[in-house]
Amino acid sequence: AAKWLGNTIEKTRKKCGLYPRWPWHQAAEGIRVSQGMWLTEPRVNGAGWFIRKDDGSHKDVTIVLFDRGSAEMEERRRWMFDREESGSGLLVIDVRGMGGLFPRPLNPRPVEENYGTVFKLVSDLVSIGDDLASMRIWDVLRAVDLARTDPMIDIGKRPLKIFGAGLGGFYAYLAAAVEPAISSCEIEDTLFSIDSLMRSRYYQDDRLNQLMVFGMAANFDMAALKPLFKNRELVITRPRDAAGRVIEGM
């Protein structure tokens, strides 16, 4: 499963120089916030925010993927403050089509609803044997490269962790499964049963099409990757089925 997933994520994607730029910084009350962007593939941007103690005393760096990317930062302010207070530097990222990289509407339909922009992009990708989810997981892995190499982040020997919620939890989990440099993975409110999705006639959420990895259902389900986290921390909070119900005993 891990080999298949790794090959699917990479497909024909090409690594290039990250060329990170951090044009905006602000510090207040001992916290420094920087906004930046980088390349994940030629002509494809990643973007995000790095939040840490102004004196550089954070004990780890956590890549953060909220359900709607950085667009969720304001409502997650208390969560981020608590994590920063506990000693984490937070790299809150936007993968393609999320947060600050949210696409423009192609038609009168809402961007993420049926027949809207994302629906169109997901459908086009599937028709050529690719998928948006794999592209976004690739973007997460490039954020790992950024965290490990960017001199401003300056991770040094600090642990690299990842947190994801909702859609972000799905991408975070699959990225961490194939990237052993991530020492801890924490996800919450994330679809954790592809089988339940396949067996559901009616979906609760139109955004579930953004979790479709082309061919994954024929190869493995989410729980099959748990052995890849041996000797690493894995925290799964409120895993969900296709109807949005919490899966007990996961």
C-alpha atoms as a PDB file:
ATOM      1  CA  ALA A   1       0.000   0.000   0.000  1.00  0.00           C
ATOM      2  CA  ALA A   2       2.812   2.408   0.874  1.00  0.00           C
ATOM      3  CA  LYS A   3       4.617   1.724  -2.397  1.00  0.00           C
ATOM      4  CA  TRP A   4       1.432   2.200  -4.418  1.00  0.00           C
ATOM      5  CA  LEU A   5       0.606   5.430  -2.561  1.00  0.00           C
ATOM      6  CA  GLY A   6       4.098   6.832  -3.042  1.00  0.00           C
ATOM      7  CA  ASN A   7       4.003   6.143  -6.771  1.00  0.00           C
ATOM      8  CA  THR A   8       0.521   7.638  -7.070  1.00  0.00           C
ATOM      9  CA  ILE A   9       1.499  10.832  -5.265  1.00  0.00           C
ATOM     10  CA  GLU A  10       4.584  11.322  -7.433  1.00  0.00           C
ATOM     11  CA  LYS A  11       3.135  10.334 -10.831  1.00  0.00           C
ATOM     12  CA  THR A  12       4.636  12.760 -13.360  1.00  0.00           C
ATOM     13  CA  ARG A  13       5.161  15.563 -10.865  1.00  0.00           C
ATOM     14  CA  LYS A  14       8.561  17.209 -10.934  1.00  0.00           C
ATOM     15  CA  LYS A  15      10.523  18.568  -8.035  1.00  0.00           C
ATOM     16  CA  CYS A  16      12.056  21.978  -8.482  1.00  0.00           C
ATOM     17  CA  GLY A  17      13.759  24.515  -6.282  1.00  0.00           C
ATOM     18  CA  LEU A  18      11.431  25.748  -3.540  1.00  0.00           C
ATOM     19  CA  TYR A  19      12.660  29.347  -3.829  1.00  0.00           C
ATOM     20  CA  PRO A  20      10.796  30.453  -0.677  1.00  0.00           C
ATOM     21  CA  ARG A  21       9.930  34.116  -0.208  1.00  0.00           C
ATOM     22  CA  TRP A  22       8.817  35.607   3.119  1.00  0.00           C
ATOM     23  CA  PRO A  23       7.836  39.200   2.235  1.00  0.00           C
ATOM     24  CA  TRP A  24       5.778  39.991   5.339  1.00  0.00           C
ATOM     25  CA  HIS A  25       6.689  39.773   9.035  1.00  0.00           C
ATOM     26  CA  GLN A  26       5.179  41.090  12.220  1.00  0.00           C
ATOM     27  CA  ALA A  27       6.139  40.595  15.866  1.00  0.00           C
ATOM     28  CA  ALA A  28       4.076  41.368  18.963  1.00  0.00           C
ATOM     29  CA  GLU A  29       4.020  40.133  22.565  1.00  0.00           C
ATOM     30  CA  GLY A  30       6.880  37.714  21.965  1.00  0.00           C
ATOM     31  CA  ILE A  31       5.342  36.052  18.889  1.00  0.00           C
ATOM     32  CA  ARG A  32       6.597  36.513  15.326  1.00  0.00           C
ATOM     33  CA  VAL A  33       4.366  35.834  12.311  1.00  0.00           C
ATOM     34  CA  SER A  34       5.713  35.559   8.752  1.00  0.00           C
ATOM     35  CA  GLN A  35       3.741  35.084   5.549  1.00  0.00           C
ATOM     36  CA  GLY A  36       5.406  33.330   2.633  1.00  0.00           C
ATOM     37  CA  MET A  37       5.179  31.399  -0.608  1.00  0.00           C
ATOM     38  CA  TRP A  38       7.260  28.802  -2.402  1.00  0.00           C
ATOM     39  CA  LEU A  39       7.158  26.469  -5.404  1.00  0.00           C
ATOM     40  CA  THR A  40       5.923  22.881  -5.117  1.00  0.00           C
ATOM     41  CA  GLU A  41       6.277  22.151  -8.832  1.00  0.00           C
ATOM     42  CA  PRO A  42       7.322  24.341 -11.752  1.00  0.00           C
ATOM     43  CA  ARG A  43       4.741  27.164 -11.948  1.00  0.00           C
ATOM     44  CA  VAL A  44       2.738  25.795  -8.974  1.00  0.00           C
ATOM     45  CA  ASN A  45       2.781  27.731  -5.690  1.00  0.00           C
ATOM     46  CA  GLY A  46       2.495  26.682  -2.095  1.00  0.00           C
ATOM     47  CA  ALA A  47       1.813  29.315   0.548  1.00  0.00           C
ATOM     48  CA  GLY A  48       1.506  29.695   4.270  1.00  0.00           C
ATOM     49  CA  TRP A  49       2.289  31.343   7.563  1.00  0.00           C
ATOM     50  CA  PHE A  50       5.086  30.589  10.035  1.00  0.00           C
ATOM     51  CA  ILE A  51       4.229  31.420  13.653  1.00  0.00           C
ATOM     52  CA  ARG A  52       6.768  30.979  16.440  1.00  0.00           C
ATOM     53  CA  LYS A  53       8.318  32.562  19.502  1.00  0.00           C
ATOM     54  CA  ASP A  54      10.203  35.714  18.595  1.00  0.00           C
ATOM     55  CA  ASP A  55      13.336  34.485  20.361  1.00  0.00           C
ATOM     56  CA  GLY A  56      13.397  31.217  18.349  1.00  0.00           C
ATOM     57  CA  SER A  57      12.920  29.052  21.434  1.00  0.00           C
ATOM     58  CA  HIS A  58      10.193  26.796  19.989  1.00  0.00           C
ATOM     59  CA  LYS A  59      10.915  23.132  20.682  1.00  0.00           C
ATOM     60  CA  ASP A  60       9.413  21.653  17.496  1.00  0.00           C
ATOM     61  CA  VAL A  61       7.910  22.670  14.154  1.00  0.00           C
ATOM     62  CA  THR A  62       4.375  21.508  13.328  1.00  0.00           C
ATOM     63  CA  ILE A  63       3.025  21.651   9.786  1.00  0.00           C
ATOM     64  CA  VAL A  64      -0.658  22.563  10.090  1.00  0.00           C
ATOM     65  CA  LEU A  65      -3.389  21.856   7.523  1.00  0.00           C
ATOM     66  CA  PHE A  66      -6.792  23.139   8.563  1.00  0.00           C
ATOM     67  CA  ASP A  67      -9.931  21.959   6.797  1.00  0.00           C
ATOM     68  CA  ARG A  68     -10.031  25.184   4.777  1.00  0.00           C
ATOM     69  CA  GLY A  69      -6.374  26.092   4.993  1.00  0.00           C
ATOM     70  CA  SER A  70      -5.279  29.490   6.221  1.00  0.00           C
ATOM     71  CA  ALA A  71      -8.831  30.819   5.718  1.00  0.00           C
ATOM     72  CA  GLU A  72      -9.565  29.109   9.046  1.00  0.00           C
ATOM     73  CA  MET A  73      -6.803  30.814  11.012  1.00  0.00           C
ATOM     74  CA  GLU A  74      -8.985  33.469  12.620  1.00  0.00           C
ATOM     75  CA  GLU A  75     -11.431  30.964  14.119  1.00  0.00           C
ATOM     76  CA  ARG A  76      -8.488  28.760  15.122  1.00  0.00           C
ATOM     77  CA  ARG A  77      -6.680  31.613  16.855  1.00  0.00           C
ATOM     78  CA  ARG A  78      -7.070  30.150  20.361  1.00  0.00           C
ATOM     79  CA  TRP A  79      -5.925  26.706  19.185  1.00  0.00           C
ATOM     80  CA  MET A  80      -2.823  28.216  17.563  1.00  0.00           C
ATOM     81  CA  PHE A  81      -2.067  30.341  20.624  1.00  0.00           C
ATOM     82  CA  ASP A  82      -2.260  27.278  22.884  1.00  0.00           C
ATOM     83  CA  ARG A  83       0.076  25.311  20.596  1.00  0.00           C
ATOM     84  CA  GLU A  84       2.525  28.181  20.435  1.00  0.00           C
ATOM     85  CA  GLU A  85       2.394  28.544  24.215  1.00  0.00           C
ATOM     86  CA  SER A  86       3.242  24.853  24.560  1.00  0.00           C
ATOM     87  CA  GLY A  87       6.412  25.436  22.540  1.00  0.00           C
ATOM     88  CA  SER A  88       5.505  24.615  18.932  1.00  0.00           C
ATOM     89  CA  GLY A  89       6.432  26.650  15.905  1.00  0.00           C
ATOM     90  CA  LEU A  90       3.497  26.439  13.485  1.00  0.00           C
ATOM     91  CA  LEU A  91       3.830  26.299   9.706  1.00  0.00           C
ATOM     92  CA  VAL A  92       0.211  26.783   8.599  1.00  0.00           C
ATOM     93  CA  ILE A  93       0.128  25.832   4.935  1.00  0.00           C
ATOM     94  CA  ASP A  94      -2.185  26.187   1.959  1.00  0.00           C
ATOM     95  CA  VAL A  95      -2.031  23.434  -0.642  1.00  0.00           C
ATOM     96  CA  ARG A  96      -3.299  24.142  -4.154  1.00  0.00           C
ATOM     97  CA  GLY A  97      -6.926  25.254  -4.220  1.00  0.00           C
ATOM     98  CA  MET A  98      -7.211  25.959  -0.486  1.00  0.00           C
ATOM     99  CA  GLY A  99      -7.006  29.042   1.714  1.00  0.00           C
ATOM    100  CA  GLY A 100      -4.988  31.780   0.052  1.00  0.00           C
ATOM    101  CA  LEU A 101      -4.796  29.626  -3.091  1.00  0.00           C
ATOM    102  CA  PHE A 102      -8.570  29.191  -3.392  1.00  0.00           C
ATOM    103  CA  PRO A 103      -9.598  29.192  -7.079  1.00  0.00           C
ATOM    104  CA  ARG A 104     -11.765  31.731  -8.839  1.00  0.00           C
ATOM    105  CA  PRO A 105     -15.261  30.626  -9.948  1.00  0.00           C
ATOM    106  CA  LEU A 106     -15.487  29.280 -13.482  1.00  0.00           C
ATOM    107  CA  ASN A 107     -19.286  29.504 -13.611  1.00  0.00           C
ATOM    108  CA  PRO A 108     -22.202  30.760 -11.469  1.00  0.00           C
ATOM    109  CA  ARG A 109     -22.037  27.684  -9.198  1.00  0.00           C
ATOM    110  CA  PRO A 110     -20.306  28.017  -5.780  1.00  0.00           C
ATOM    111  CA  VAL A 111     -16.653  26.989  -6.137  1.00  0.00           C
ATOM    112  CA  GLU A 112     -16.814  23.800  -4.028  1.00  0.00           C
ATOM    113  CA  GLU A 113     -20.362  22.643  -4.783  1.00  0.00           C
ATOM    114  CA  ASN A 114     -21.464  20.167  -7.428  1.00  0.00           C
ATOM    115  CA  TYR A 115     -20.649  21.417 -10.940  1.00  0.00           C
ATOM    116  CA  GLY A 116     -18.593  24.301  -9.565  1.00  0.00           C
ATOM    117  CA  THR A 117     -14.890  25.013 -10.123  1.00  0.00           C
ATOM    118  CA  VAL A 118     -13.407  22.301  -7.903  1.00  0.00           C
ATOM    119  CA  PHE A 119     -15.904  19.711  -9.193  1.00  0.00           C
ATOM    120  CA  LYS A 120     -14.759  20.576 -12.739  1.00  0.00           C
ATOM    121  CA  LEU A 121     -11.056  20.304 -11.844  1.00  0.00           C
ATOM    122  CA  VAL A 122     -11.506  17.015  -9.948  1.00  0.00           C
ATOM    123  CA  SER A 123     -13.496  15.524 -12.849  1.00  0.00           C
ATOM    124  CA  ASP A 124     -10.950  16.608 -15.456  1.00  0.00           C
ATOM    125  CA  LEU A 125      -8.083  15.121 -13.442  1.00  0.00           C
ATOM    126  CA  VAL A 126      -9.826  11.794 -12.954  1.00  0.00           C
ATOM    127  CA  SER A 127     -10.473  11.609 -16.699  1.00  0.00           C
ATOM    128  CA  ILE A 128      -6.692  11.597 -17.268  1.00  0.00           C
ATOM    129  CA  GLY A 129      -5.930   9.179 -14.411  1.00  0.00           C
ATOM    130  CA  ASP A 130      -4.808  11.764 -11.864  1.00  0.00           C
ATOM    131  CA  ASP A 131      -6.472  13.457  -8.898  1.00  0.00           C
ATOM    132  CA  LEU A 132      -6.459  16.656  -6.866  1.00  0.00           C
ATOM    133  CA  ALA A 133      -5.895  14.806  -3.583  1.00  0.00           C
ATOM    134  CA  SER A 134      -2.557  13.359  -4.755  1.00  0.00           C
ATOM    135  CA  MET A 135      -1.469  16.801  -5.913  1.00  0.00           C
ATOM    136  CA  ARG A 136      -2.289  18.246  -2.521  1.00  0.00           C
ATOM    137  CA  ILE A 137      -0.451  15.454  -0.710  1.00  0.00           C
ATOM    138  CA  TRP A 138       2.541  16.236  -2.936  1.00  0.00           C
ATOM    139  CA  ASP A 139       2.268  19.872  -1.796  1.00  0.00           C
ATOM    140  CA  VAL A 140       2.335  18.712   1.828  1.00  0.00           C
ATOM    141  CA  LEU A 141       5.498  16.715   1.191  1.00  0.00           C
ATOM    142  CA  ARG A 142       7.092  19.763  -0.409  1.00  0.00           C
ATOM    143  CA  ALA A 143       6.186  21.714   2.743  1.00  0.00           C
ATOM    144  CA  VAL A 144       8.151  19.058   4.634  1.00  0.00           C
ATOM    145  CA  ASP A 145      11.128  19.815   2.371  1.00  0.00           C
ATOM    146  CA  LEU A 146      10.628  23.511   3.088  1.00  0.00           C
ATOM    147  CA  ALA A 147      10.527  23.002   6.849  1.00  0.00           C
ATOM    148  CA  ARG A 148      13.718  20.925   6.761  1.00  0.00           C
ATOM    149  CA  THR A 149      15.743  23.252   4.540  1.00  0.00           C
ATOM    150  CA  ASP A 150      14.553  26.853   4.845  1.00  0.00           C
ATOM    151  CA  PRO A 151      16.974  28.938   6.923  1.00  0.00           C
ATOM    152  CA  MET A 152      14.224  31.148   8.317  1.00  0.00           C
ATOM    153  CA  ILE A 153      12.335  28.162   9.706  1.00  0.00           C
ATOM    154  CA  ASP A 154      15.688  26.890  10.969  1.00  0.00           C
ATOM    155  CA  ILE A 155      14.408  23.561  12.222  1.00  0.00           C
ATOM    156  CA  GLY A 156      17.859  22.270  13.161  1.00  0.00           C
ATOM    157  CA  LYS A 157      17.439  19.175  15.319  1.00  0.00           C
ATOM    158  CA  ARG A 158      13.912  20.031  16.378  1.00  0.00           C
ATOM    159  CA  PRO A 159      11.242  17.364  15.689  1.00  0.00           C
ATOM    160  CA  LEU A 160       8.971  17.874  12.700  1.00  0.00           C
ATOM    161  CA  LYS A 161       5.288  17.146  13.367  1.00  0.00           C
ATOM    162  CA  ILE A 162       2.070  17.454  11.397  1.00  0.00           C
ATOM    163  CA  PHE A 163      -1.507  18.298  12.327  1.00  0.00           C
ATOM    164  CA  GLY A 164      -4.542  18.133  10.054  1.00  0.00           C
ATOM    165  CA  ALA A 165      -8.291  18.636  10.411  1.00  0.00           C
ATOM    166  CA  GLY A 166     -11.081  17.692   8.009  1.00  0.00           C
ATOM    167  CA  LEU A 167      -9.746  17.630   4.448  1.00  0.00           C
ATOM    168  CA  GLY A 168      -6.370  18.680   5.795  1.00  0.00           C
ATOM    169  CA  GLY A 169      -6.299  15.663   8.105  1.00  0.00           C
ATOM    170  CA  PHE A 170      -6.729  13.303   5.155  1.00  0.00           C
ATOM    171  CA  TYR A 171      -3.791  14.857   3.282  1.00  0.00           C
ATOM    172  CA  ALA A 172      -1.668  15.064   6.441  1.00  0.00           C
ATOM    173  CA  TYR A 173      -2.195  11.399   7.311  1.00  0.00           C
ATOM    174  CA  LEU A 174      -1.307  10.094   3.844  1.00  0.00           C
ATOM    175  CA  ALA A 175       1.702  12.395   3.576  1.00  0.00           C
ATOM    176  CA  ALA A 176       2.992  11.336   6.997  1.00  0.00           C
ATOM    177  CA  ALA A 177       2.489   7.666   6.114  1.00  0.00           C
ATOM    178  CA  VAL A 178       5.070   7.884   3.335  1.00  0.00           C
ATOM    179  CA  GLU A 179       7.391  10.466   4.951  1.00  0.00           C
ATOM    180  CA  PRO A 180       9.317   9.058   7.940  1.00  0.00           C
ATOM    181  CA  ALA A 181      10.872  12.470   8.668  1.00  0.00           C
ATOM    182  CA  ILE A 182       7.530  13.399  10.280  1.00  0.00           C
ATOM    183  CA  SER A 183       7.875  12.226  13.882  1.00  0.00           C
ATOM    184  CA  SER A 184       4.252  12.780  14.936  1.00  0.00           C
ATOM    185  CA  CYS A 185       0.931  12.892  13.089  1.00  0.00           C
ATOM    186  CA  GLU A 186      -2.286  14.202  14.625  1.00  0.00           C
ATOM    187  CA  ILE A 187      -5.583  14.347  12.740  1.00  0.00           C
ATOM    188  CA  GLU A 188      -9.154  15.137  13.713  1.00  0.00           C
ATOM    189  CA  ASP A 189     -12.615  15.000  12.119  1.00  0.00           C
ATOM    190  CA  THR A 190     -11.202  13.282   9.031  1.00  0.00           C
ATOM    191  CA  LEU A 191     -12.765  10.721   6.712  1.00  0.00           C
ATOM    192  CA  PHE A 192     -11.106   7.462   7.768  1.00  0.00           C
ATOM    193  CA  SER A 193     -13.118   4.856   5.873  1.00  0.00           C
ATOM    194  CA  ILE A 194     -12.988   4.766   2.088  1.00  0.00           C
ATOM    195  CA  ASP A 195     -15.119   1.624   2.312  1.00  0.00           C
ATOM    196  CA  SER A 196     -17.974   3.583   3.897  1.00  0.00           C
ATOM    197  CA  LEU A 197     -17.715   6.111   1.084  1.00  0.00           C
ATOM    198  CA  MET A 198     -17.926   3.391  -1.551  1.00  0.00           C
ATOM    199  CA  ARG A 199     -20.980   1.882   0.156  1.00  0.00           C
ATOM    200  CA  SER A 200     -22.829   5.189   0.654  1.00  0.00           C
ATOM    201  CA  ARG A 201     -25.468   6.011  -1.912  1.00  0.00           C
ATOM    202  CA  TYR A 202     -25.824   9.603  -0.679  1.00  0.00           C
ATOM    203  CA  TYR A 203     -22.901  11.624   0.645  1.00  0.00           C
ATOM    204  CA  GLN A 204     -23.288  14.155   3.422  1.00  0.00           C
ATOM    205  CA  ASP A 205     -20.649  16.518   2.031  1.00  0.00           C
ATOM    206  CA  ASP A 206     -19.985  17.532  -1.582  1.00  0.00           C
ATOM    207  CA  ARG A 207     -16.368  18.269  -0.636  1.00  0.00           C
ATOM    208  CA  LEU A 208     -15.638  14.548  -0.280  1.00  0.00           C
ATOM    209  CA  ASN A 209     -14.693  14.473  -3.971  1.00  0.00           C
ATOM    210  CA  GLN A 210     -11.566  16.390  -2.950  1.00  0.00           C
ATOM    211  CA  LEU A 211     -10.434  13.273  -1.038  1.00  0.00           C
ATOM    212  CA  MET A 212     -10.522  10.959  -4.037  1.00  0.00           C
ATOM    213  CA  VAL A 213      -7.113   9.367  -4.719  1.00  0.00           C
ATOM    214  CA  PHE A 214      -7.460   7.667  -8.099  1.00  0.00           C
ATOM    215  CA  GLY A 215      -7.410   3.870  -7.548  1.00  0.00           C
ATOM    216  CA  MET A 216      -7.013   3.964  -3.755  1.00  0.00           C
ATOM    217  CA  ALA A 217     -10.286   2.148  -3.004  1.00  0.00           C
ATOM    218  CA  ALA A 218      -9.092  -0.863  -5.015  1.00  0.00           C
ATOM    219  CA  ASN A 219      -5.810  -1.066  -3.117  1.00  0.00           C
ATOM    220  CA  PHE A 220      -6.242  -0.214   0.585  1.00  0.00           C
ATOM    221  CA  ASP A 221      -8.221   1.730   3.170  1.00  0.00           C
ATOM    222  CA  MET A 222      -6.920   4.331   5.591  1.00  0.00           C
ATOM    223  CA  ALA A 223      -6.370   2.023   8.561  1.00  0.00           C
ATOM    224  CA  ALA A 224      -4.094  -0.236   6.473  1.00  0.00           C
ATOM    225  CA  LEU A 225      -1.373   2.434   6.713  1.00  0.00           C
ATOM    226  CA  LYS A 226      -1.244   2.446  10.512  1.00  0.00           C
ATOM    227  CA  PRO A 227       1.743   0.035  10.666  1.00  0.00           C
ATOM    228  CA  LEU A 228       3.819   2.691   8.862  1.00  0.00           C
ATOM    229  CA  PHE A 229       3.602   4.788  12.037  1.00  0.00           C
ATOM    230  CA  LYS A 230       5.375   2.219  14.196  1.00  0.00           C
ATOM    231  CA  ASN A 231       7.718   4.026  16.616  1.00  0.00           C
ATOM    232  CA  ARG A 232       6.059   7.335  15.683  1.00  0.00           C
ATOM    233  CA  GLU A 233       3.203   9.129  17.421  1.00  0.00           C
ATOM    234  CA  LEU A 234      -0.179   8.848  15.713  1.00  0.00           C
ATOM    235  CA  VAL A 235      -3.231  10.551  17.238  1.00  0.00           C
ATOM    236  CA  ILE A 236      -6.613  10.124  15.534  1.00  0.00           C
ATOM    237  CA  THR A 237      -9.468  12.131  17.045  1.00  0.00           C
ATOM    238  CA  ARG A 238     -13.066  11.676  15.907  1.00  0.00           C
ATOM    239  CA  PRO A 239     -12.415   9.717  12.686  1.00  0.00           C
ATOM    240  CA  ARG A 240     -15.447   9.987  10.407  1.00  0.00           C
ATOM    241  CA  ASP A 241     -17.310   7.763   7.974  1.00  0.00           C
ATOM    242  CA  ALA A 242     -18.865   8.997   4.728  1.00  0.00           C
ATOM    243  CA  ALA A 243     -22.026  10.091   6.546  1.00  0.00           C
ATOM    244  CA  GLY A 244     -20.006  12.219   8.967  1.00  0.00           C
ATOM    245  CA  ARG A 245     -20.517   9.862  11.911  1.00  0.00           C
ATOM    246  CA  VAL A 246     -17.666   9.215  14.346  1.00  0.00           C
ATOM    247  CA  ILE A 247     -16.131   5.756  13.852  1.00  0.00           C
ATOM    248  CA  GLU A 248     -15.880   4.078  17.259  1.00  0.00           C
ATOM    249  CA  GLY A 249     -12.880   2.016  18.323  1.00  0.00           C
ATOM    250  CA  MET A 250     -10.549   3.282  15.598  1.00  0.00           C
END
